[in-house]
C-alpha atoms as a PDB file:
ATOM      1  CA  MET A   1       2.546 -16.783 -35.999  1.00  0.00           C
ATOM      2  CA  SER A   2      -0.338 -14.879 -34.414  1.00  0.00           C
ATOM      3  CA  PRO A   3      -0.037 -11.124 -33.843  1.00  0.00           C
ATOM      4  CA  ALA A   4       0.774  -9.994 -30.308  1.00  0.00           C
ATOM      5  CA  SER A   5      -2.259  -9.089 -28.274  1.00  0.00           C
ATOM      6  CA  PRO A   6      -2.456  -5.354 -27.508  1.00  0.00           C
ATOM      7  CA  LYS A   7      -1.247  -4.192 -24.175  1.00  0.00           C
ATOM      8  CA  PRO A   8      -4.041  -3.071 -21.897  1.00  0.00           C
ATOM      9  CA  GLU A   9      -4.249   0.672 -21.328  1.00  0.00           C
ATOM     10  CA  ARG A  10      -2.544   1.780 -18.172  1.00  0.00           C
ATOM     11  CA  ALA A  11      -4.886   2.871 -15.347  1.00  0.00           C
ATOM     12  CA  ILE A  12      -3.299   5.560 -13.205  1.00  0.00           C
ATOM     13  CA  GLU A  13      -5.276   7.261 -10.443  1.00  0.00           C
ATOM     14  CA  VAL A  14      -4.255  10.746  -9.467  1.00  0.00           C
ATOM     15  CA  PHE A  15      -4.850  12.124  -5.969  1.00  0.00           C
ATOM     16  CA  GLU A  16      -4.221  15.651  -4.665  1.00  0.00           C
ATOM     17  CA  SER A  17      -3.435  16.083  -0.977  1.00  0.00           C
ATOM     18  CA  ALA A  18      -1.254  18.063   1.390  1.00  0.00           C
ATOM     19  CA  TRP A  19       1.421  17.157   3.843  1.00  0.00           C
ATOM     20  CA  GLN A  20       2.473  19.703   6.536  1.00  0.00           C
ATOM     21  CA  GLY A  21       1.292  22.548   4.320  1.00  0.00           C
ATOM     22  CA  ILE A  22       2.988  21.192   1.190  1.00  0.00           C
ATOM     23  CA  ALA A  23       0.669  20.381  -1.760  1.00  0.00           C
ATOM     24  CA  ILE A  24       1.414  16.922  -3.128  1.00  0.00           C
ATOM     25  CA  THR A  25       0.198  14.882  -6.058  1.00  0.00           C
ATOM     26  CA  ILE A  26       0.089  11.086  -5.796  1.00  0.00           C
ATOM     27  CA  HIS A  27      -0.027   8.954  -8.921  1.00  0.00           C
ATOM     28  CA  PHE A  28      -1.074   5.348  -8.300  1.00  0.00           C
ATOM     29  CA  GLU A  29      -0.868   2.549 -10.803  1.00  0.00           C
ATOM     30  CA  VAL A  30      -2.449  -0.575  -9.325  1.00  0.00           C
ATOM     31  CA  ARG A  31      -1.328  -3.040 -12.008  1.00  0.00           C
ATOM     32  CA  TRP A  32       2.075  -1.843 -12.835  1.00  0.00           C
ATOM     33  CA  LEU A  33       3.449  -5.169 -14.162  1.00  0.00           C
ATOM     34  CA  ASP A  34       0.065  -6.398 -15.391  1.00  0.00           C
ATOM     35  CA  LEU A  35       0.718  -9.919 -14.152  1.00  0.00           C
ATOM     36  CA  GLU A  36      -1.844 -12.092 -12.439  1.00  0.00           C
ATOM     37  CA  SER A  37       0.565 -13.726 -10.080  1.00  0.00           C
ATOM     38  CA  ILE A  38       2.491 -10.646  -8.971  1.00  0.00           C
ATOM     39  CA  HIS A  39       0.695  -7.686  -7.563  1.00  0.00           C
ATOM     40  CA  ILE A  40       3.192  -4.835  -7.775  1.00  0.00           C
ATOM     41  CA  VAL A  41       1.838  -1.271  -7.737  1.00  0.00           C
ATOM     42  CA  HIS A  42       3.646   1.950  -8.671  1.00  0.00           C
ATOM     43  CA  LEU A  43       3.320   5.001  -6.474  1.00  0.00           C
ATOM     44  CA  GLU A  44       4.636   8.516  -7.373  1.00  0.00           C
ATOM     45  CA  VAL A  45       4.659  11.249  -4.825  1.00  0.00           C
ATOM     46  CA  ARG A  46       5.410  14.711  -6.058  1.00  0.00           C
ATOM     47  CA  SER A  47       5.398  18.098  -4.341  1.00  0.00           C
ATOM     48  CA  ALA A  48       3.391  20.565  -6.470  1.00  0.00           C
ATOM     49  CA  SER A  49       6.218  23.172  -6.415  1.00  0.00           C
ATOM     50  CA  GLY A  50       9.202  20.766  -6.443  1.00  0.00           C
ATOM     51  CA  GLU A  51       9.639  21.502  -2.775  1.00  0.00           C
ATOM     52  CA  ARG A  52      11.845  19.018  -0.849  1.00  0.00           C
ATOM     53  CA  LEU A  53      10.090  16.188   0.952  1.00  0.00           C
ATOM     54  CA  PRO A  54      11.478  13.889   3.659  1.00  0.00           C
ATOM     55  CA  ILE A  55      11.308  11.038   1.046  1.00  0.00           C
ATOM     56  CA  ALA A  56      12.839  13.071  -1.863  1.00  0.00           C
ATOM     57  CA  GLU A  57      15.207  16.001  -2.027  1.00  0.00           C
ATOM     58  CA  THR A  58      13.892  16.866  -5.531  1.00  0.00           C
ATOM     59  CA  GLY A  59      10.217  16.726  -4.390  1.00  0.00           C
ATOM     60  CA  TYR A  60       9.621  13.594  -6.571  1.00  0.00           C
ATOM     61  CA  ARG A  61       9.762   9.969  -5.593  1.00  0.00           C
ATOM     62  CA  SER A  62       8.877   6.783  -7.464  1.00  0.00           C
ATOM     63  CA  HIS A  63       8.112   3.769  -5.256  1.00  0.00           C
ATOM     64  CA  PHE A  64       7.056   0.172  -5.939  1.00  0.00           C
ATOM     65  CA  ALA A  65       5.122  -1.805  -3.412  1.00  0.00           C
ATOM     66  CA  THR A  66       2.749  -4.712  -3.191  1.00  0.00           C
ATOM     67  CA  THR A  67      -1.009  -4.175  -3.350  1.00  0.00           C
ATOM     68  CA  THR A  68      -1.210  -5.583   0.244  1.00  0.00           C
ATOM     69  CA  GLU A  69       1.179  -2.924   1.551  1.00  0.00           C
ATOM     70  CA  ILE A  70      -0.875  -0.091   0.058  1.00  0.00           C
ATOM     71  CA  THR A  71      -4.240  -1.626   1.196  1.00  0.00           C
ATOM     72  CA  GLU A  72      -2.989  -2.205   4.734  1.00  0.00           C
ATOM     73  CA  GLY A  73      -1.632   1.356   4.691  1.00  0.00           C
ATOM     74  CA  GLY A  74      -5.132   2.680   4.134  1.00  0.00           C
ATOM     75  CA  GLY A  75      -4.852   3.347   0.405  1.00  0.00           C
ATOM     76  CA  PRO A  76      -2.501   5.385  -1.785  1.00  0.00           C
ATOM     77  CA  VAL A  77      -2.907   8.769  -0.004  1.00  0.00           C
ATOM     78  CA  ALA A  78      -2.851   7.416   3.526  1.00  0.00           C
ATOM     79  CA  TYR A  79       0.171   5.274   2.693  1.00  0.00           C
ATOM     80  CA  ALA A  80       2.069   8.268   1.187  1.00  0.00           C
ATOM     81  CA  VAL A  81       1.249  10.521   4.145  1.00  0.00           C
ATOM     82  CA  ALA A  82       2.293   7.796   6.691  1.00  0.00           C
ATOM     83  CA  TRP A  83       5.493   7.349   4.722  1.00  0.00           C
ATOM     84  CA  LEU A  84       6.204  11.124   4.774  1.00  0.00           C
ATOM     85  CA  ASP A  85       5.350  11.308   8.546  1.00  0.00           C
ATOM     86  CA  TYR A  86       7.688   8.388   9.288  1.00  0.00           C
ATOM     87  CA  MET A  87      10.590   9.823   7.262  1.00  0.00           C
ATOM     88  CA  ALA A  88      10.058  13.290   8.796  1.00  0.00           C
ATOM     89  CA  GLN A  89      11.227  11.763  12.073  1.00  0.00           C
ATOM     90  CA  SER A  90      14.747  11.266  10.647  1.00  0.00           C
ATOM     91  CA  ASN A  91      17.677  13.387  11.921  1.00  0.00           C
ATOM     92  CA  GLU A  92      18.355  14.506   8.320  1.00  0.00           C
ATOM     93  CA  TRP A  93      14.821  15.902   7.801  1.00  0.00           C
ATOM     94  CA  LYS A  94      14.849  17.587  11.249  1.00  0.00           C
ATOM     95  CA  ALA A  95      18.181  19.272  10.407  1.00  0.00           C
ATOM     96  CA  TYR A  96      16.750  20.437   7.056  1.00  0.00           C
ATOM     97  CA  VAL A  97      13.641  21.886   8.753  1.00  0.00           C
ATOM     98  CA  GLU A  98      15.741  23.567  11.432  1.00  0.00           C
ATOM     99  CA  GLY A  99      18.099  25.009   8.704  1.00  0.00           C
ATOM    100  CA  ALA A 100      15.153  26.319   6.703  1.00  0.00           C
ATOM    101  CA  ARG A 101      13.793  27.961   9.845  1.00  0.00           C
ATOM    102  CA  GLN A 102      17.040  29.618  10.591  1.00  0.00           C
ATOM    103  CA  LEU A 103      17.300  31.036   7.072  1.00  0.00           C
ATOM    104  CA  SER A 104      13.773  32.461   7.292  1.00  0.00           C
ATOM    105  CA  LEU A 105      14.844  34.540  10.263  1.00  0.00           C
ATOM    106  CA  PHE A 106      17.096  36.686   8.120  1.00  0.00           C
END
C-alpha cells in the first residue's frame, strides 16, 4: 500500500473593500474541493466590526459558488458587492436600516 499523497496547500486570497461605508473582508478560495471536474469556490464575506450585512445578521457569511459565477460576476470583490447590493433591496434590510436610523435620532 502506497502512502497517501499530501494534500496541496490551500490557496486563499484575501481582499479588503467597503460596502456602503462598512469595511468588509473577502476570503476567496478558488479550488475549495480540489477536484479537476468540479470547480467549486468558497467565498467568505465578513464585516470588519461584526456589523450586520444584508447577507448576514452576524456580519459573516460563507458561500459556495462555481468558478463561472464568480468570473461572470467580475471577480470575488465585485461579486460580493453585487450580492450585497442585491440583498440590500429586500424589505427586511430596508426595515433594518430604517430602524437603525430611527434609533440614531435619540
